[in-house]
Protein backbone atom coordinates (compact mmCIF):
# COMPACT_ATOMS: atom_id res chain seq x y z
CA MET A 1 -2.87 -4.49 -38.47
CA THR A 2 -0.93 -1.25 -38.15
CA LYS A 3 2.08 -0.82 -35.91
CA GLN A 4 0.01 1.30 -33.50
CA GLU A 5 -2.77 -1.32 -33.33
CA THR A 6 -0.15 -3.99 -32.66
CA ALA A 7 1.35 -1.93 -29.82
CA THR A 8 -2.12 -1.40 -28.34
CA GLN A 9 -2.88 -5.14 -28.42
CA ASP A 10 0.49 -6.21 -26.99
CA PRO A 11 -0.40 -5.91 -23.26
CA TYR A 12 -3.62 -7.87 -23.78
CA GLU A 13 -1.81 -10.61 -25.71
CA ARG A 14 0.87 -10.84 -23.01
CA ARG A 15 -1.82 -11.04 -20.33
CA ALA A 16 -3.65 -13.80 -22.23
CA LEU A 17 -0.42 -15.77 -22.57
CA LEU A 18 0.36 -15.31 -18.86
CA LEU A 19 -3.12 -16.58 -18.00
CA HIS A 20 -2.51 -19.56 -20.29
CA LEU A 21 0.79 -20.19 -18.53
CA GLY A 22 -1.11 -20.30 -15.24
CA ASP A 23 -3.45 -22.91 -16.72
CA VAL A 24 -0.45 -24.94 -17.90
CA LEU A 25 1.09 -24.82 -14.43
CA GLU A 26 -2.21 -25.86 -12.88
CA SER A 27 -2.53 -28.80 -15.30
CA VAL A 28 1.05 -29.87 -14.52
CA PHE A 29 0.32 -29.73 -10.78
CA CYS A 30 -2.97 -31.62 -11.05
CA LEU A 31 -1.41 -34.26 -13.25
CA SER A 32 1.54 -34.62 -10.87
CA GLN A 33 -0.92 -35.55 -8.11
CA CYS A 34 -2.17 -38.60 -10.03
CA ALA A 35 0.61 -39.31 -12.53
CA ASP A 36 1.52 -42.66 -10.98
CA ASP A 37 -2.10 -43.88 -11.25
CA TYR A 38 -2.24 -43.69 -15.06
CA ALA A 39 -0.10 -45.03 -17.89
CA SER A 40 -1.04 -42.27 -20.36
CA ILE A 41 -2.47 -38.77 -20.66
CA GLY A 42 -5.53 -40.24 -22.37
CA GLU A 43 -6.23 -42.55 -19.42
CA ALA A 44 -5.62 -39.73 -16.94
CA VAL A 45 -8.05 -37.35 -18.66
CA LYS A 46 -10.72 -40.07 -18.88
CA GLY A 47 -10.18 -41.21 -15.30
CA ASN A 48 -9.83 -37.89 -13.49
CA GLU A 49 -12.55 -35.24 -13.80
CA ALA A 50 -10.18 -32.48 -12.64
CA LEU A 51 -8.02 -33.01 -15.73
CA ALA A 52 -10.86 -32.98 -18.24
CA GLY A 53 -11.15 -29.19 -18.12
CA PHE A 54 -7.60 -28.54 -19.32
CA THR A 55 -7.82 -27.86 -23.05
CA LEU A 56 -4.06 -28.31 -23.45
CA LEU A 57 -4.27 -31.98 -22.47
CA GLY A 58 -6.64 -32.56 -25.40
CA PHE A 59 -3.91 -31.50 -27.84
CA ILE A 60 -1.24 -33.76 -26.34
CA ASP A 61 -0.56 -37.23 -27.73
CA GLU A 62 -2.93 -39.32 -25.61
CA LYS A 63 -0.31 -42.10 -25.38
CA MET A 64 2.24 -39.82 -23.69
CA ALA A 65 3.04 -40.85 -20.13
CA PRO A 66 1.94 -38.31 -17.50
CA ARG A 67 5.46 -37.95 -16.08
CA ASP A 68 6.75 -37.32 -19.62
CA PHE A 69 4.15 -34.58 -20.08
CA ILE A 70 5.17 -32.96 -16.79
CA ARG A 71 8.84 -32.96 -17.82
CA ARG A 72 8.13 -31.73 -21.36
CA ALA A 73 5.67 -29.02 -20.30
CA SER A 74 8.18 -27.73 -17.76
CA GLY A 75 10.79 -27.46 -20.51
CA ALA A 76 8.33 -25.91 -22.94
CA PHE A 77 7.13 -23.13 -20.67
CA PHE A 78 9.90 -22.27 -18.22
CA VAL A 79 11.11 -19.35 -20.39
CA TRP A 80 7.67 -17.79 -20.67
CA PRO A 81 7.58 -15.64 -17.51
CA LYS A 82 10.79 -13.79 -18.33
CA ALA A 83 10.08 -13.68 -22.06
CA LEU A 84 6.62 -12.20 -21.50
CA LEU A 85 8.12 -9.48 -19.29
CA ASP A 86 10.91 -8.52 -21.68
CA GLU A 87 10.45 -5.10 -23.22
CA THR A 88 10.60 -6.58 -26.72
CA LEU A 89 8.57 -9.73 -27.02
CA ASN A 90 10.43 -12.64 -28.62
CA ARG A 91 7.39 -14.17 -30.29
CA PRO A 92 9.19 -17.05 -32.06
CA LEU A 93 10.79 -18.15 -28.78
CA LEU A 94 7.43 -18.49 -27.04
CA ALA A 95 6.00 -20.77 -29.71
CA ASN A 96 9.21 -22.55 -30.63
CA THR A 97 9.88 -23.94 -27.16
CA VAL A 98 6.35 -25.33 -26.94
CA LYS A 99 6.49 -26.82 -30.42
CA HIS A 100 9.86 -28.44 -29.78
CA ASP A 101 9.41 -29.66 -26.23
CA LEU A 102 5.73 -30.60 -26.15
CA PHE A 103 4.69 -31.31 -29.74
CA ALA A 104 7.88 -32.63 -31.37
CA ASP A 105 6.18 -35.71 -32.85
CA ASN A 106 2.62 -34.44 -32.88
CA ALA A 107 2.02 -32.07 -35.81
CA LYS A 108 -1.78 -32.39 -35.57
CA GLY A 109 -1.73 -31.55 -31.85
CA TRP A 110 0.63 -28.62 -32.46
CA GLU A 111 -1.63 -27.16 -35.13
CA ALA A 112 -4.70 -27.44 -32.89
CA TYR A 113 -2.79 -25.87 -29.98
CA ARG A 114 -1.42 -23.10 -32.22
CA GLN A 115 -4.92 -22.26 -33.48
CA GLU A 116 -6.20 -22.15 -29.89
CA ARG A 117 -3.44 -19.71 -28.85
CA ARG A 118 -4.02 -17.55 -31.94
CA LYS A 119 -7.46 -16.63 -30.58
CA ASP A 120 -5.64 -14.50 -28.00
CA ALA A 121 -2.37 -13.78 -29.84
CA PRO A 122 -2.95 -13.81 -33.63
CA TRP A 123 0.80 -13.98 -34.33
CA PHE A 124 1.41 -17.10 -32.20
CA GLY A 125 3.37 -19.74 -34.10
CA GLU A 126 3.97 -17.65 -37.24
CA ASP A 127 7.22 -17.88 -39.18
CA LEU A 128 8.78 -20.66 -37.13
CA PRO A 129 11.72 -22.59 -38.54
CA ASP A 130 10.98 -26.10 -39.78
CA VAL A 131 13.27 -27.52 -37.11
CA ALA A 132 12.17 -26.24 -33.73
CA LYS A 133 14.72 -25.63 -31.01
CA SER A 134 14.34 -26.00 -27.28
CA ALA A 135 15.13 -23.13 -24.96
CA ALA A 136 17.30 -25.43 -22.83
CA PRO A 137 20.66 -24.82 -24.55
CA ALA A 138 20.30 -21.07 -24.04
CA HIS A 139 20.12 -21.67 -20.30
CA GLU A 140 22.97 -24.07 -19.70
CA ALA A 141 24.88 -23.42 -16.52
CA ALA A 142 27.92 -21.25 -17.07
CA PRO A 143 31.00 -21.52 -14.89
CA ALA A 144 30.69 -19.25 -11.89
CA ALA A 145 32.74 -16.09 -12.25
CA ALA A 146 34.19 -14.23 -9.33
CA PRO A 147 32.03 -11.23 -8.47
CA GLN A 148 33.53 -7.98 -9.67
CA LYS A 149 33.48 -4.86 -7.53
CA GLN A 150 31.88 -1.81 -9.04
CA LYS A 151 33.23 1.63 -8.30
CA GLY A 152 30.82 3.65 -6.20
CA LYS A 153 27.96 1.12 -6.33
CA ALA A 154 27.36 -2.15 -4.59
CA ALA A 155 26.71 -5.15 -6.82
CA SER A 156 23.17 -5.33 -5.40
CA ASP A 157 22.45 -1.80 -6.72
CA LYS A 158 22.78 -3.02 -10.32
CA ALA A 159 19.61 -2.18 -12.25
CA SER A 160 17.23 -5.04 -12.89
CA ARG A 161 16.24 -5.74 -16.48
CA TYR A 162 12.69 -5.08 -15.27
CA SER A 163 13.44 -1.97 -13.24
CA THR A 164 11.46 0.37 -15.45
CA TRP A 165 9.56 -1.60 -18.07
CA PRO A 166 6.65 -1.21 -18.58
CA TRP A 167 6.70 1.67 -16.15
CA PRO A 168 8.40 4.91 -17.11
CA ASP A 169 11.76 5.88 -15.68
CA LYS A 170 11.47 7.61 -12.35
CA PRO A 171 13.82 10.40 -11.36
CA ALA A 172 16.80 9.32 -9.26
CA ASP A 173 15.72 11.66 -6.44
CA ALA A 174 12.26 10.02 -6.24
CA ASP A 175 13.69 7.15 -4.15
CA ASN A 176 15.10 9.57 -1.59
CA ALA A 177 12.09 11.88 -1.36
């Protein structure tokens, strides 16, 4: 695939991954509603029709406890919204967090999940290190620093990292027109 074809596909791949994230969140919510009724994901999927439609749960170790899945899935996907909106897509991060947090001891499940995601994003899971890393250490709480005053601008006027992407810059006078 050429660089131009890759750039053309990027928005569609991001959209597909965002839709998948929505499915993951829905599966986490549905499972949280009945997690105490089942000892494992396998039992939950067999015993609750609402869960049977979530493809992701078919890739998970069926012996995993529902509460463990909820915790692990939250860790695996919490970086996705920001990562999918970054101007430059950090592809290894998206796959690495899922591999580490959700499929650490389940190579067969990871491979099936990876192949499923590659239908929408052909690069998903490529060139990952042998030892996957969680996103958690990158988001550890830092000590609170005293807010610094900016000359001429209030701290709230600081540009957002999403202020223009994927939309083009707008002229400064456009806000005042």
